[in-house]
PDB file of N, CA and C in Angstrom:
ATOM      1  N   MET A   1      19.632   1.626  20.857  1.00  0.00           N
ATOM      2  CA  MET A   1      19.318   0.885  21.037  1.00  0.00           C
ATOM      3  C   MET A   1      19.008  -0.421  22.269  1.00  0.00           C
ATOM      4  N   ARG A   2      18.969   0.651  23.109  1.00  0.00           N
ATOM      5  CA  ARG A   2      19.208   0.489  25.010  1.00  0.00           C
ATOM      6  C   ARG A   2      17.107   0.275  24.584  1.00  0.00           C
ATOM      7  N   ILE A   3      16.981   0.909  24.527  1.00  0.00           N
ATOM      8  CA  ILE A   3      15.689   1.505  24.248  1.00  0.00           C
ATOM      9  C   ILE A   3      14.895   0.177  23.396  1.00  0.00           C
ATOM     10  N   LEU A   4      15.098  -0.161  21.939  1.00  0.00           N
ATOM     11  CA  LEU A   4      13.995  -1.251  21.608  1.00  0.00           C
ATOM     12  C   LEU A   4      14.359  -3.384  22.730  1.00  0.00           C
ATOM     13  N   LYS A   5      16.178  -2.681  23.581  1.00  0.00           N
ATOM     14  CA  LYS A   5      15.881  -4.333  24.507  1.00  0.00           C
ATOM     15  C   LYS A   5      15.174  -3.399  25.916  1.00  0.00           C
ATOM     16  N   GLY A   6      14.818  -2.381  25.916  1.00  0.00           N
ATOM     17  CA  GLY A   6      13.468  -2.442  27.290  1.00  0.00           C
ATOM     18  C   GLY A   6      12.209  -2.613  27.128  1.00  0.00           C
ATOM     19  N   LEU A   7      11.935  -2.228  25.595  1.00  0.00           N
ATOM     20  CA  LEU A   7      10.352  -2.613  24.910  1.00  0.00           C
ATOM     21  C   LEU A   7      10.130  -4.197  25.270  1.00  0.00           C
ATOM     22  N   TRP A   8      11.179  -5.082  24.277  1.00  0.00           N
ATOM     23  CA  TRP A   8      11.568  -5.853  23.945  1.00  0.00           C
ATOM     24  C   TRP A   8      11.065  -7.066  25.283  1.00  0.00           C
ATOM     25  N   HIS A   9      11.718  -6.437  26.607  1.00  0.00           N
ATOM     26  CA  HIS A   9      12.000  -7.528  27.924  1.00  0.00           C
ATOM     27  C   HIS A   9      10.770  -6.278  28.465  1.00  0.00           C
ATOM     28  N   ASP A  10       9.660  -5.942  28.296  1.00  0.00           N
ATOM     29  CA  ASP A  10       8.667  -5.879  28.938  1.00  0.00           C
ATOM     30  C   ASP A  10       7.226  -6.252  28.714  1.00  0.00           C
ATOM     31  N   GLU A  11       6.070  -6.249  29.242  1.00  0.00           N
ATOM     32  CA  GLU A  11       5.169  -7.030  28.567  1.00  0.00           C
ATOM     33  C   GLU A  11       4.007  -4.985  27.115  1.00  0.00           C
ATOM     34  N   ASP A  12       4.438  -4.343  27.993  1.00  0.00           N
ATOM     35  CA  ASP A  12       4.216  -3.341  27.175  1.00  0.00           C
ATOM     36  C   ASP A  12       4.732  -2.943  25.949  1.00  0.00           C
ATOM     37  N   GLY A  13       5.935  -3.519  26.009  1.00  0.00           N
ATOM     38  CA  GLY A  13       6.537  -3.095  24.972  1.00  0.00           C
ATOM     39  C   GLY A  13       6.396  -3.589  23.877  1.00  0.00           C
ATOM     40  N   LEU A  14       6.278  -5.136  24.458  1.00  0.00           N
ATOM     41  CA  LEU A  14       5.793  -5.981  23.431  1.00  0.00           C
ATOM     42  C   LEU A  14       4.542  -5.989  22.678  1.00  0.00           C
ATOM     43  N   THR A  15       4.059  -5.587  23.070  1.00  0.00           N
ATOM     44  CA  THR A  15       2.984  -4.836  22.508  1.00  0.00           C
ATOM     45  C   THR A  15       2.523  -4.016  21.789  1.00  0.00           C
ATOM     46  N   THR A  16       2.984  -2.977  21.932  1.00  0.00           N
ATOM     47  CA  THR A  16       3.368  -1.403  21.507  1.00  0.00           C
ATOM     48  C   THR A  16       4.670  -2.165  20.342  1.00  0.00           C
ATOM     49  N   VAL A  17       5.484  -3.251  20.060  1.00  0.00           N
ATOM     50  CA  VAL A  17       5.861  -3.782  19.333  1.00  0.00           C
ATOM     51  C   VAL A  17       4.959  -4.304  17.973  1.00  0.00           C
ATOM     52  N   GLU A  18       3.958  -5.300  18.968  1.00  0.00           N
ATOM     53  CA  GLU A  18       3.614  -6.238  18.259  1.00  0.00           C
ATOM     54  C   GLU A  18       2.448  -5.177  16.712  1.00  0.00           C
ATOM     55  N   TYR A  19       1.779  -3.957  17.455  1.00  0.00           N
ATOM     56  CA  TYR A  19       1.310  -3.111  17.269  1.00  0.00           C
ATOM     57  C   TYR A  19       1.732  -1.992  15.533  1.00  0.00           C
ATOM     58  N   ALA A  20       3.136  -1.578  16.215  1.00  0.00           N
ATOM     59  CA  ALA A  20       3.775  -1.881  15.644  1.00  0.00           C
ATOM     60  C   ALA A  20       3.616  -2.426  14.017  1.00  0.00           C
ATOM     61  N   LEU A  21       4.516  -3.769  14.086  1.00  0.00           N
ATOM     62  CA  LEU A  21       4.330  -4.942  12.756  1.00  0.00           C
ATOM     63  C   LEU A  21       3.469  -4.442  12.307  1.00  0.00           C
ATOM     64  N   LEU A  22       2.028  -4.822  13.218  1.00  0.00           N
ATOM     65  CA  LEU A  22       0.737  -5.014  11.933  1.00  0.00           C
ATOM     66  C   LEU A  22       0.759  -4.105  11.484  1.00  0.00           C
ATOM     67  N   LEU A  23       0.792  -3.147  12.088  1.00  0.00           N
ATOM     68  CA  LEU A  23       0.821  -1.343  10.806  1.00  0.00           C
ATOM     69  C   LEU A  23       1.626  -1.455  10.426  1.00  0.00           C
ATOM     70  N   LEU A  24       2.706  -1.966  10.164  1.00  0.00           N
ATOM     71  CA  LEU A  24       3.117  -2.455   9.359  1.00  0.00           C
ATOM     72  C   LEU A  24       2.897  -2.698   8.500  1.00  0.00           C
ATOM     73  N   VAL A  25       2.838  -4.208   8.130  1.00  0.00           N
ATOM     74  CA  VAL A  25       2.144  -5.266   7.217  1.00  0.00           C
ATOM     75  C   VAL A  25       0.421  -4.131   6.644  1.00  0.00           C
ATOM     76  N   LEU A  26       0.009  -4.026   7.688  1.00  0.00           N
ATOM     77  CA  LEU A  26      -1.543  -2.904   7.318  1.00  0.00           C
ATOM     78  C   LEU A  26      -0.722  -2.258   5.616  1.00  0.00           C
ATOM     79  N   ILE A  27      -0.166  -1.218   6.617  1.00  0.00           N
ATOM     80  CA  ILE A  27       1.090  -0.393   5.225  1.00  0.00           C
ATOM     81  C   ILE A  27       1.115  -1.115   3.905  1.00  0.00           C
ATOM     82  N   LEU A  28       2.094  -1.763   3.516  1.00  0.00           N
ATOM     83  CA  LEU A  28       2.583  -3.071   2.805  1.00  0.00           C
ATOM     84  C   LEU A  28       1.592  -2.952   1.673  1.00  0.00           C
ATOM     85  N   GLY A  29       0.833  -3.473   2.617  1.00  0.00           N
ATOM     86  CA  GLY A  29      -0.245  -4.446   1.912  1.00  0.00           C
ATOM     87  C   GLY A  29      -1.612  -3.482   0.883  1.00  0.00           C
ATOM     88  N   ALA A  30      -1.491  -2.482   2.005  1.00  0.00           N
ATOM     89  CA  ALA A  30      -2.385  -0.688   1.475  1.00  0.00           C
ATOM     90  C   ALA A  30      -1.710  -0.200  -0.151  1.00  0.00           C
ATOM     91  N   THR A  31      -0.274  -0.757   0.441  1.00  0.00           N
ATOM     92  CA  THR A  31       0.643  -0.324  -0.313  1.00  0.00           C
ATOM     93  C   THR A  31       0.701  -1.240  -2.118  1.00  0.00           C
ATOM     94  N   THR A  32       0.207  -1.998  -1.803  1.00  0.00           N
ATOM     95  CA  THR A  32       0.227  -2.935  -2.876  1.00  0.00           C
ATOM     96  C   THR A  32      -0.909  -3.316  -3.350  1.00  0.00           C
ATOM     97  N   ILE A  33      -1.520  -2.765  -2.924  1.00  0.00           N
ATOM     98  CA  ILE A  33      -3.180  -2.819  -3.785  1.00  0.00           C
ATOM     99  C   ILE A  33      -3.389  -1.881  -4.254  1.00  0.00           C
ATOM    100  N   TRP A  34      -2.924  -0.376  -3.625  1.00  0.00           N
ATOM    101  CA  TRP A  34      -2.842   0.729  -4.434  1.00  0.00           C
ATOM    102  C   TRP A  34      -1.778   0.827  -5.576  1.00  0.00           C
ATOM    103  N   VAL A  35      -1.165   0.504  -5.997  1.00  0.00           N
ATOM    104  CA  VAL A  35      -0.396   0.802  -7.126  1.00  0.00           C
ATOM    105  C   VAL A  35      -0.754  -0.425  -7.870  1.00  0.00           C
ATOM    106  N   GLY A  36      -1.655  -1.706  -7.471  1.00  0.00           N
ATOM    107  CA  GLY A  36      -2.429  -2.402  -8.535  1.00  0.00           C
ATOM    108  C   GLY A  36      -3.484  -1.669  -8.825  1.00  0.00           C
ATOM    109  N   LEU A  37      -4.018  -1.207  -8.386  1.00  0.00           N
ATOM    110  CA  LEU A  37      -4.579  -0.115  -9.012  1.00  0.00           C
ATOM    111  C   LEU A  37      -4.987   0.307 -10.214  1.00  0.00           C
ATOM    112  N   ALA A  38      -3.797   1.267  -9.121  1.00  0.00           N
ATOM    113  CA  ALA A  38      -3.557   2.379 -10.050  1.00  0.00           C
ATOM    114  C   ALA A  38      -2.447   2.069 -11.249  1.00  0.00           C
ATOM    115  N   GLY A  39      -2.136   1.463 -11.766  1.00  0.00           N
ATOM    116  CA  GLY A  39      -2.222   0.174 -12.898  1.00  0.00           C
ATOM    117  C   GLY A  39      -3.056  -0.050 -13.989  1.00  0.00           C
ATOM    118  N   GLN A  40      -4.112  -0.772 -13.058  1.00  0.00           N
ATOM    119  CA  GLN A  40      -5.427  -0.616 -13.659  1.00  0.00           C
ATOM    120  C   GLN A  40      -5.796  -0.094 -14.053  1.00  0.00           C
ATOM    121  N   VAL A  41      -5.974   1.194 -13.123  1.00  0.00           N
ATOM    122  CA  VAL A  41      -7.396   2.705 -14.343  1.00  0.00           C
ATOM    123  C   VAL A  41      -6.206   3.060 -14.789  1.00  0.00           C
ATOM    124  N   GLY A  42      -5.160   3.248 -14.537  1.00  0.00           N
ATOM    125  CA  GLY A  42      -4.054   3.940 -16.009  1.00  0.00           C
ATOM    126  C   GLY A  42      -4.154   3.143 -16.790  1.00  0.00           C
ATOM    127  N   ASN A  43      -4.202   1.828 -16.783  1.00  0.00           N
ATOM    128  CA  ASN A  43      -4.250   0.622 -18.065  1.00  0.00           C
ATOM    129  C   ASN A  43      -6.522   1.484 -19.097  1.00  0.00           C
ATOM    130  N   ALA A  44      -7.118   1.337 -18.171  1.00  0.00           N
ATOM    131  CA  ALA A  44      -8.829   1.313 -18.336  1.00  0.00           C
ATOM    132  C   ALA A  44      -8.558   3.295 -19.155  1.00  0.00           C
ATOM    133  N   VAL A  45      -8.299   3.763 -18.207  1.00  0.00           N
ATOM    134  CA  VAL A  45      -7.723   5.258 -18.958  1.00  0.00           C
ATOM    135  C   VAL A  45      -7.585   5.422 -20.400  1.00  0.00           C
ATOM    136  N   ASP A  46      -6.241   4.831 -20.346  1.00  0.00           N
ATOM    137  CA  ASP A  46      -5.461   4.769 -21.928  1.00  0.00           C
ATOM    138  C   ASP A  46      -6.883   3.966 -23.115  1.00  0.00           C
ATOM    139  N   ARG A  47      -6.916   3.001 -22.462  1.00  0.00           N
ATOM    140  CA  ARG A  47      -8.149   2.158 -23.713  1.00  0.00           C
ATOM    141  C   ARG A  47      -8.994   3.399 -23.740  1.00  0.00           C
ATOM    142  N   ALA A  48     -10.270   3.903 -22.702  1.00  0.00           N
ATOM    143  CA  ALA A  48     -10.948   4.864 -23.264  1.00  0.00           C
ATOM    144  C   ALA A  48     -10.156   5.765 -23.978  1.00  0.00           C
ATOM    145  N   ASN A  49      -9.347   6.530 -23.698  1.00  0.00           N
ATOM    146  CA  ASN A  49      -8.741   7.820 -24.621  1.00  0.00           C
ATOM    147  C   ASN A  49      -8.868   6.621 -26.448  1.00  0.00           C
ATOM    148  N   ARG A  50      -8.123   5.349 -26.428  1.00  0.00           N
ATOM    149  CA  ARG A  50      -7.438   4.521 -28.038  1.00  0.00           C
ATOM    150  C   ARG A  50      -8.920   4.311 -28.319  1.00  0.00           C
ATOM    151  N   GLU A  51     -10.022   4.582 -27.397  1.00  0.00           N
ATOM    152  CA  GLU A  51     -11.898   3.632 -28.054  1.00  0.00           C
ATOM    153  C   GLU A  51     -11.701   5.572 -28.405  1.00  0.00           C
ATOM    154  N   THR A  52     -12.125   6.348 -27.624  1.00  0.00           N
ATOM    155  CA  THR A  52     -13.200   7.685 -27.884  1.00  0.00           C
ATOM    156  C   THR A  52     -11.626   8.287 -29.474  1.00  0.00           C
ATOM    157  N   GLU A  53     -10.955   8.213 -29.743  1.00  0.00           N
ATOM    158  CA  GLU A  53     -10.317   8.757 -30.681  1.00  0.00           C
ATOM    159  C   GLU A  53     -10.456   8.151 -31.305  1.00  0.00           C
ATOM    160  N   GLY A  54     -10.674   6.385 -31.510  1.00  0.00           N
ATOM    161  CA  GLY A  54     -11.314   6.595 -33.114  1.00  0.00           C
ATOM    162  C   GLY A  54     -12.455   6.202 -33.758  1.00  0.00           C
ATOM    163  N   ALA A  55     -13.506   6.137 -32.420  1.00  0.00           N
ATOM    164  CA  ALA A  55     -14.613   6.817 -32.575  1.00  0.00           C
ATOM    165  C   ALA A  55     -14.917   8.171 -33.064  1.00  0.00           C
ATOM    166  N   SER A  56     -14.314   9.099 -33.064  1.00  0.00           N
ATOM    167  CA  SER A  56     -14.539  10.952 -33.338  1.00  0.00           C
ATOM    168  C   SER A  56     -13.717  10.864 -35.093  1.00  0.00           C
ATOM    169  N   GLY A  57     -12.543   9.738 -35.192  1.00  0.00           N
ATOM    170  CA  GLY A  57     -12.138   9.681 -37.230  1.00  0.00           C
ATOM    171  C   GLY A  57     -11.278  10.480 -36.936  1.00  0.00           C
ATOM    172  N   ARG A  58     -10.078  10.569 -36.032  1.00  0.00           N
ATOM    173  CA  ARG A  58      -8.656  11.277 -36.047  1.00  0.00           C
ATOM    174  C   ARG A  58      -7.873  10.345 -36.916  1.00  0.00           C
TER     175      ARG A  58
END
């Protein structure tokens, strides 16, 4: 905790904290996009499988 307080009062520490927060926001955004795309791709693959099975007469 003492390290964080020291970084808070030091200007270089503030820059470090700002970059860490920016990195956190970017990671959260990328994760959200990744999860959303995974669902859409999964749905598209399922739909293609159903259409292929219907076309092959199974």
